[in-house]
N, C-alpha and C. Protein backbone atom coordinates (compact mmCIF):
# COMPACT_ATOMS: atom_id res chain seq x y z
N MET A 1 118.45 55.28 31.87
CA MET A 1 117.30 56.59 32.65
C MET A 1 116.78 57.80 31.33
N THR A 2 118.30 58.25 30.63
CA THR A 2 118.26 58.90 29.95
C THR A 2 117.17 59.47 28.98
N SER A 3 117.67 57.58 28.73
CA SER A 3 116.49 56.97 26.87
C SER A 3 115.04 56.88 27.08
N LYS A 4 114.97 56.58 28.71
CA LYS A 4 113.38 56.27 29.16
C LYS A 4 112.90 57.96 29.03
N LEU A 5 113.41 59.04 29.75
CA LEU A 5 112.85 60.51 29.87
C LEU A 5 112.75 60.63 28.20
N SER A 6 114.04 60.67 27.98
CA SER A 6 114.20 60.50 26.34
C SER A 6 112.57 60.38 25.20
N PHE A 7 112.13 58.87 25.73
CA PHE A 7 110.95 58.33 24.95
C PHE A 7 109.87 59.28 25.28
N TYR A 8 109.45 59.44 26.97
CA TYR A 8 108.53 60.32 26.98
C TYR A 8 108.15 61.44 26.51
N ILE A 9 109.40 62.25 26.46
CA ILE A 9 109.06 63.34 26.20
C ILE A 9 108.75 63.17 24.58
N CYS A 10 109.81 62.48 23.51
CA CYS A 10 109.54 62.19 21.93
C CYS A 10 107.73 61.82 22.02
N LEU A 11 107.62 60.73 22.62
CA LEU A 11 105.97 60.55 22.75
C LEU A 11 105.09 61.63 23.52
N ALA A 12 104.90 62.49 23.87
CA ALA A 12 104.39 63.89 24.37
C ALA A 12 104.54 64.67 23.85
N ALA A 13 105.23 65.23 22.79
CA ALA A 13 105.55 65.84 21.61
C ALA A 13 104.76 65.23 20.72
N LEU A 14 105.01 64.42 20.12
CA LEU A 14 103.94 63.56 19.20
C LEU A 14 102.87 63.17 19.50
N ASN A 15 101.79 63.32 20.99
CA ASN A 15 101.01 63.31 21.47
C ASN A 15 100.36 64.95 21.21
N VAL A 16 100.98 65.46 21.68
CA VAL A 16 100.41 67.21 21.37
C VAL A 16 100.33 67.82 19.95
N MET A 17 100.97 67.13 19.34
CA MET A 17 100.95 67.56 17.55
C MET A 17 99.80 66.71 17.00
N THR A 18 99.54 65.63 17.63
CA THR A 18 98.28 65.42 16.64
C THR A 18 96.89 65.36 17.67
N LEU A 19 97.12 65.56 18.50
CA LEU A 19 95.69 66.52 19.23
C LEU A 19 95.27 67.48 18.84
N PRO A 20 95.91 68.58 18.14
CA PRO A 20 94.73 69.65 17.20
C PRO A 20 94.34 69.26 15.94
N ALA A 21 94.44 68.10 15.90
CA ALA A 21 93.63 67.19 14.14
C ALA A 21 92.43 66.93 14.66
N CYS A 22 92.42 66.37 16.29
CA CYS A 22 91.35 65.58 16.91
C CYS A 22 90.20 66.92 16.95
N ALA A 23 90.31 67.79 17.41
CA ALA A 23 90.34 68.98 17.60
C ALA A 23 89.26 69.69 17.07
N SER A 24 89.92 69.48 15.81
CA SER A 24 88.86 70.11 14.97
C SER A 24 87.29 69.29 14.12
N SER A 25 87.14 68.05 15.15
CA SER A 25 85.82 67.59 15.07
C SER A 25 84.76 68.35 15.51
N THR A 26 83.63 68.26 14.87
CA THR A 26 82.21 68.67 15.15
C THR A 26 82.05 67.79 16.64
N SER A 27 81.97 66.94 16.75
CA SER A 27 81.23 66.50 18.36
C SER A 27 82.38 66.23 19.05
N SER A 28 81.75 66.33 20.08
CA SER A 28 82.60 66.01 21.39
C SER A 28 82.92 64.78 21.65
N VAL A 29 84.69 64.41 21.55
CA VAL A 29 84.82 63.07 21.69
C VAL A 29 85.41 62.90 22.80
N ARG A 30 85.32 63.76 23.92
CA ARG A 30 85.52 63.57 25.30
C ARG A 30 84.42 63.92 26.23
N ALA A 31 83.27 63.25 25.73
CA ALA A 31 82.08 64.47 26.75
C ALA A 31 81.84 63.37 27.76
N THR A 32 82.11 62.27 27.88
CA THR A 32 82.33 61.54 29.68
C THR A 32 83.86 60.47 29.07
N ASN A 33 83.67 59.38 29.85
CA ASN A 33 84.69 58.64 29.89
C ASN A 33 84.73 57.15 30.20
N SER A 34 83.35 57.46 29.24
CA SER A 34 82.62 55.75 29.69
C SER A 34 83.05 55.08 28.25
N ASP A 35 84.15 55.44 27.26
CA ASP A 35 84.85 54.97 26.10
C ASP A 35 85.83 54.83 26.10
N ALA A 36 85.97 53.98 27.59
CA ALA A 36 87.15 53.66 28.14
C ALA A 36 87.93 51.97 27.26
N GLY A 37 86.15 51.50 26.95
CA GLY A 37 86.40 50.16 25.83
C GLY A 37 86.96 50.41 24.32
N ALA A 38 86.72 51.39 23.67
CA ALA A 38 87.11 51.76 22.73
C ALA A 38 88.62 52.23 22.27
N MET A 39 88.99 52.41 23.28
CA MET A 39 90.55 52.82 23.87
C MET A 39 91.62 51.74 23.84
N ASP A 40 92.80 51.63 23.15
CA ASP A 40 93.59 50.31 24.34
C ASP A 40 94.31 51.10 25.03
N ASP A 41 94.88 50.17 25.98
CA ASP A 41 95.36 50.54 27.35
C ASP A 41 96.91 51.38 26.70
N ALA A 42 97.80 51.26 25.80
CA ALA A 42 98.73 51.66 25.17
C ALA A 42 98.52 53.43 25.11
N THR A 43 97.66 53.47 24.05
CA THR A 43 97.01 54.85 24.05
C THR A 43 96.69 55.86 25.43
N VAL A 44 95.98 54.82 25.68
CA VAL A 44 95.55 55.28 27.20
C VAL A 44 97.11 55.99 28.33
N THR A 45 97.44 55.25 28.38
CA THR A 45 98.95 55.30 29.38
C THR A 45 99.57 56.71 28.45
N ALA A 46 99.84 56.56 27.02
CA ALA A 46 100.36 57.55 26.50
C ALA A 46 99.70 59.06 26.76
N ARG A 47 98.84 59.03 26.81
CA ARG A 47 98.00 60.48 27.19
C ARG A 47 98.18 60.86 28.82
N VAL A 48 97.99 59.86 29.22
CA VAL A 48 98.85 60.36 30.40
C VAL A 48 99.88 60.72 31.04
N LYS A 49 100.72 59.80 30.78
CA LYS A 49 101.96 60.52 30.70
C LYS A 49 102.45 61.62 30.53
N ALA A 50 101.77 62.14 28.75
CA ALA A 50 102.04 63.10 28.46
C ALA A 50 101.07 64.50 28.95
N VAL A 51 99.96 64.10 29.43
CA VAL A 51 99.52 65.34 30.99
C VAL A 51 100.27 65.36 32.09
N LEU A 52 100.81 64.16 32.18
CA LEU A 52 102.03 64.42 33.31
C LEU A 52 103.31 65.51 32.83
N LEU A 53 103.41 65.57 32.03
CA LEU A 53 105.31 65.68 31.49
C LEU A 53 104.58 66.62 31.43
N ASN A 54 103.50 68.00 30.86
CA ASN A 54 103.28 68.82 30.19
C ASN A 54 102.57 69.27 31.43
N ASP A 55 102.22 69.21 31.87
CA ASP A 55 101.77 69.95 33.79
C ASP A 55 102.76 70.76 34.17
N PRO A 56 103.01 71.52 34.24
CA PRO A 56 104.29 72.45 35.43
C PRO A 56 104.21 72.74 36.75
N GLN A 57 102.93 72.19 37.12
CA GLN A 57 102.98 71.91 39.15
C GLN A 57 103.97 70.02 38.96
N VAL A 58 103.26 69.17 38.03
CA VAL A 58 103.91 67.63 38.52
C VAL A 58 104.93 67.25 38.38
N ASN A 59 106.19 67.20 39.01
CA ASN A 59 107.60 66.79 38.04
C ASN A 59 106.77 64.96 37.88
N ALA A 60 106.44 64.85 37.06
CA ALA A 60 106.27 63.70 36.02
C ALA A 60 107.11 62.95 35.85
N THR A 61 108.23 63.09 35.77
CA THR A 61 109.97 62.22 35.68
C THR A 61 110.04 61.24 36.00
N LYS A 62 109.62 61.04 37.34
CA LYS A 62 109.81 59.77 38.17
C LYS A 62 108.47 59.66 38.52
N VAL A 63 107.31 59.48 37.55
CA VAL A 63 106.09 58.96 37.76
C VAL A 63 105.59 57.90 36.36
N ASP A 64 105.63 56.63 36.92
CA ASP A 64 105.73 55.12 35.87
C ASP A 64 103.62 55.36 35.93
N VAL A 65 103.33 54.84 34.99
CA VAL A 65 101.95 55.31 34.53
C VAL A 65 101.73 53.72 34.10
N ILE A 66 100.93 52.87 33.96
CA ILE A 66 100.33 51.27 33.94
C ILE A 66 98.82 51.57 33.89
N THR A 67 98.32 51.41 32.74
CA THR A 67 97.00 50.92 32.29
C THR A 67 96.14 49.60 31.97
N ASN A 68 95.15 49.24 32.82
CA ASN A 68 95.04 47.90 32.40
C ASN A 68 93.14 47.82 32.19
N GLY A 69 92.51 47.83 31.23
CA GLY A 69 91.51 47.61 31.14
C GLY A 69 91.16 48.87 31.15
N GLY A 70 91.68 50.14 30.99
CA GLY A 70 91.37 51.44 31.57
C GLY A 70 91.88 52.45 32.73
N VAL A 71 91.95 51.30 33.65
CA VAL A 71 92.20 51.73 34.87
C VAL A 71 94.02 52.25 35.00
N VAL A 72 93.96 53.11 35.70
CA VAL A 72 95.24 53.73 35.62
C VAL A 72 95.52 53.59 36.76
N THR A 73 96.56 52.90 37.31
CA THR A 73 97.85 53.25 38.07
C THR A 73 99.12 54.45 37.96
N LEU A 74 99.46 54.94 38.92
CA LEU A 74 100.32 55.85 38.98
C LEU A 74 101.56 55.35 40.23
N THR A 75 102.65 55.30 39.47
CA THR A 75 103.81 54.56 40.90
C THR A 75 104.69 55.68 40.36
N GLY A 76 105.40 55.60 41.99
CA GLY A 76 106.83 56.31 41.41
C GLY A 76 106.47 57.21 43.01
N THR A 77 107.43 58.77 42.52
CA THR A 77 107.77 59.60 43.73
C THR A 77 107.09 61.26 42.94
N VAL A 78 106.81 61.85 43.68
CA VAL A 78 106.39 62.83 43.73
C VAL A 78 106.93 64.02 44.57
N ARG A 79 106.76 65.18 44.72
CA ARG A 79 107.71 66.26 45.51
C ARG A 79 105.96 66.38 46.92
N SER A 80 105.39 66.42 46.66
CA SER A 80 104.11 66.88 47.43
C SER A 80 102.78 66.16 47.57
N LYS A 81 102.07 65.47 48.68
CA LYS A 81 100.52 65.43 48.57
C LYS A 81 99.82 66.12 47.47
N ALA A 82 99.97 67.67 47.53
CA ALA A 82 99.76 68.45 46.54
C ALA A 82 99.62 67.79 45.08
N ASP A 83 100.70 67.28 44.91
CA ASP A 83 101.45 66.91 43.34
C ASP A 83 100.52 65.61 43.50
N GLU A 84 100.56 64.93 44.79
CA GLU A 84 100.15 63.32 44.02
C GLU A 84 98.79 63.96 43.85
N ALA A 85 97.88 64.58 44.78
CA ALA A 85 96.81 64.80 44.18
C ALA A 85 96.50 65.31 42.94
N ARG A 86 97.37 66.26 42.44
CA ARG A 86 97.30 67.23 40.93
C ARG A 86 97.41 66.05 39.84
N ALA A 87 98.16 65.23 39.84
CA ALA A 87 98.23 64.33 39.09
C ALA A 87 97.27 63.10 38.79
N ILE A 88 96.99 62.36 40.30
CA ILE A 88 95.55 61.63 40.13
C ILE A 88 94.50 62.87 39.45
N ASP A 89 93.98 63.18 39.75
CA ASP A 89 93.57 64.71 38.66
C ASP A 89 93.15 65.07 37.49
N LEU A 90 94.63 65.30 37.15
CA LEU A 90 95.09 64.91 35.39
C LEU A 90 94.61 63.63 34.78
N ALA A 91 94.99 62.61 35.28
CA ALA A 91 94.67 61.30 34.60
C ALA A 91 93.03 61.59 34.85
N ARG A 92 92.70 61.94 36.21
CA ARG A 92 91.46 60.97 35.55
C ARG A 92 90.36 61.73 34.55
N HIS A 93 90.64 63.13 34.31
CA HIS A 93 90.23 63.74 33.17
C HIS A 93 90.87 63.22 31.54
N VAL A 94 91.91 61.97 31.75
CA VAL A 94 92.24 61.48 30.17
C VAL A 94 91.09 60.93 29.35
N THR A 95 90.64 60.89 28.41
CA THR A 95 89.80 59.98 28.28
C THR A 95 90.45 59.01 27.78
N GLY A 96 88.92 58.06 28.14
CA GLY A 96 89.40 56.28 28.26
C GLY A 96 89.72 55.96 29.51
N VAL A 97 90.28 56.87 30.60
CA VAL A 97 90.29 56.39 31.68
C VAL A 97 89.20 55.85 32.62
N ARG A 98 89.14 54.99 33.10
CA ARG A 98 87.99 54.25 33.77
C ARG A 98 88.05 54.92 35.47
N ASP A 99 88.74 54.77 35.70
CA ASP A 99 89.57 54.97 37.43
C ASP A 99 91.32 55.01 37.45
N VAL A 100 91.44 55.98 38.41
CA VAL A 100 92.92 56.42 39.03
C VAL A 100 93.40 55.25 40.25
N LYS A 101 94.22 54.28 40.08
CA LYS A 101 94.79 53.96 41.27
C LYS A 101 96.44 54.51 41.64
N SER A 102 96.19 55.36 43.09
CA SER A 102 97.35 55.66 43.09
C SER A 102 98.68 55.14 43.88
N MET A 103 99.43 54.76 43.82
CA MET A 103 100.63 54.47 44.40
C MET A 103 102.03 55.31 44.42
N LEU A 104 101.36 56.67 44.60
CA LEU A 104 102.51 57.45 44.27
C LEU A 104 103.06 57.98 45.91
N GLN A 105 104.50 57.64 45.51
CA GLN A 105 105.23 58.37 47.31
C GLN A 105 105.11 59.83 47.60
N ALA A 106 105.12 60.03 48.03
CA ALA A 106 105.44 61.79 48.66
C ALA A 106 106.68 61.94 48.87
N GLY A 107 107.74 62.66 48.60
CA GLY A 107 109.10 63.21 49.12
C GLY A 107 109.81 63.34 47.87
N PRO A 108 110.79 63.80 49.00
CA PRO A 108 112.23 63.95 48.01
C PRO A 108 112.16 63.21 46.94
N ILE A 109 112.48 63.22 45.74
CA ILE A 109 112.82 62.92 44.28
C ILE A 109 113.67 62.33 44.42
N PRO A 110 114.40 61.13 43.92
CA PRO A 110 115.58 60.72 44.02
C PRO A 110 116.13 60.86 42.22
N GLN A 111 117.51 61.31 42.63
CA GLN A 111 118.00 62.00 41.67
C GLN A 111 119.35 60.41 41.24
N PHE A 112 118.91 60.36 40.09
CA PHE A 112 119.88 58.66 39.09
C PHE A 112 120.84 59.69 38.53
């Protein structure tokens, strides 16, 4: 589990380092999420996971993200229904996401 967490933290850090380069463009890349076909599912998954990991409210270490055709499915455990709603909202605002499906469970987060 530690290696999986390390992987996601490294992925999030890499994503954070590359986003400022994208922000310097004069055109808005994220005007709408209708360009989902232009982005592969692995990139969408990485971006959603990075956003969740960087949010101080959501404890996303127990949240898995799967993307298929731009449709993101969130599975795992969050602390509360408010955290679930926050995770869904954050995922919906990531470029390339067409829809978000939640299979998250609200309750105590298991410690492994």
